[in-house]
Amino acid sequence: MKYPPFIVNLTNLTFDRWGDLKIEGYIQGKLAATRTLSGSGTDDRLVVKPDDLELDGDGRDATRVVLAVTDEYGNLRHSRPARFN
């Protein structure tokens, strides 16, 4: 494969504490994209995203609103099942 999907360099990997994960994507040797994922394991913010920013208000208009939880870098966090005690 001329350009593999990814390459992982594990030479400086330590397991004494979790840190952030930085992923860099290269195309033909040039940096094309960078993504950082939080290693803290905590949720940072609740994001509310409506499909429409304006409604007509004529009694028939509606929109969908999506709620999402992100890490400190804006990446979506995986949902966990609710626990009721």
Protein backbone atom coordinates (compact mmCIF):
# COMPACT_ATOMS: atom_id res chain seq x y z
CA MET A 1 0.00 0.00 0.00
CA LYS A 2 1.53 3.31 -1.05
CA TYR A 3 -0.24 5.32 1.70
CA PRO A 4 -1.27 3.15 4.66
CA PRO A 5 -4.33 4.22 6.69
CA PHE A 6 -2.13 5.03 9.68
CA ILE A 7 1.21 4.41 11.33
CA VAL A 8 1.64 4.29 15.12
CA ASN A 9 4.92 5.21 16.81
CA LEU A 10 5.06 3.52 20.23
CA THR A 11 8.68 4.27 21.10
CA ASN A 12 7.89 6.90 23.78
CA LEU A 13 4.82 5.21 25.26
CA THR A 14 4.53 5.18 29.06
CA PHE A 15 1.80 3.70 31.23
CA ASP A 16 2.36 5.57 34.51
CA ARG A 17 -0.39 8.11 33.69
CA TRP A 18 -2.83 8.82 30.88
CA GLY A 19 -2.25 11.93 28.83
CA ASP A 20 -3.91 13.49 25.83
CA LEU A 21 -3.75 11.66 22.51
CA LYS A 22 -2.56 13.71 19.54
CA ILE A 23 -3.10 12.22 16.10
CA GLU A 24 -1.39 13.74 13.06
CA GLY A 25 -2.33 12.76 9.51
CA TYR A 26 0.13 13.16 6.65
CA ILE A 27 -0.39 13.03 2.90
CA GLN A 28 2.77 12.66 0.82
CA GLY A 29 4.89 13.66 3.83
CA LYS A 30 2.96 16.88 4.55
CA LEU A 31 0.82 17.41 7.64
CA ALA A 32 -2.82 17.31 6.47
CA ALA A 33 -4.80 17.07 9.73
CA THR A 34 -4.30 17.06 13.49
CA ARG A 35 -6.74 15.80 16.11
CA THR A 36 -6.28 15.87 19.88
CA LEU A 37 -8.35 13.69 22.22
CA SER A 38 -8.52 14.37 25.94
CA GLY A 39 -6.99 11.78 28.22
CA SER A 40 -8.62 13.18 31.35
CA GLY A 41 -11.68 10.96 30.98
CA THR A 42 -14.03 13.74 32.00
CA ASP A 43 -16.88 15.37 30.16
CA ASP A 44 -16.22 19.05 29.50
CA ARG A 45 -19.35 20.61 28.04
CA LEU A 46 -22.88 20.00 26.92
CA VAL A 47 -23.42 21.07 23.30
CA VAL A 48 -26.89 21.92 21.98
CA LYS A 49 -27.21 21.86 18.17
CA PRO A 50 -30.54 22.75 16.55
CA ASP A 51 -31.05 21.82 12.88
CA ASP A 52 -32.62 25.24 12.24
CA LEU A 53 -31.55 28.53 13.80
CA GLU A 54 -34.86 30.26 13.01
CA LEU A 55 -38.47 29.10 13.15
CA ASP A 56 -41.49 30.71 11.48
CA GLY A 57 -43.59 30.46 14.64
CA ASP A 58 -46.81 29.88 12.69
CA GLY A 59 -47.81 26.94 14.87
CA ARG A 60 -46.66 24.30 12.38
CA ASP A 61 -42.90 24.79 12.38
CA ALA A 62 -40.59 22.39 14.23
CA THR A 63 -36.92 21.50 14.38
CA ARG A 64 -34.73 18.80 15.86
CA VAL A 65 -32.33 19.62 18.70
CA VAL A 66 -29.34 17.36 19.32
CA LEU A 67 -27.63 17.27 22.71
CA ALA A 68 -24.04 16.04 22.86
CA VAL A 69 -21.31 15.85 25.48
CA THR A 70 -17.76 16.71 24.40
CA ASP A 71 -14.27 16.57 25.85
CA GLU A 72 -12.15 19.67 26.34
CA TYR A 73 -11.18 19.63 22.64
CA GLY A 74 -14.75 19.44 21.31
CA ASN A 75 -14.65 15.71 20.47
CA LEU A 76 -17.84 13.75 21.12
CA ARG A 77 -17.78 11.58 24.23
CA HIS A 78 -19.31 8.10 24.19
CA SER A 79 -22.64 7.84 25.94
CA ARG A 80 -23.01 5.73 29.02
CA PRO A 81 -26.22 3.99 30.06
CA ALA A 82 -28.19 5.84 32.73
CA ARG A 83 -28.23 4.29 36.19
CA PHE A 84 -31.25 4.71 38.40
CA ASN A 85 -30.95 3.82 42.08
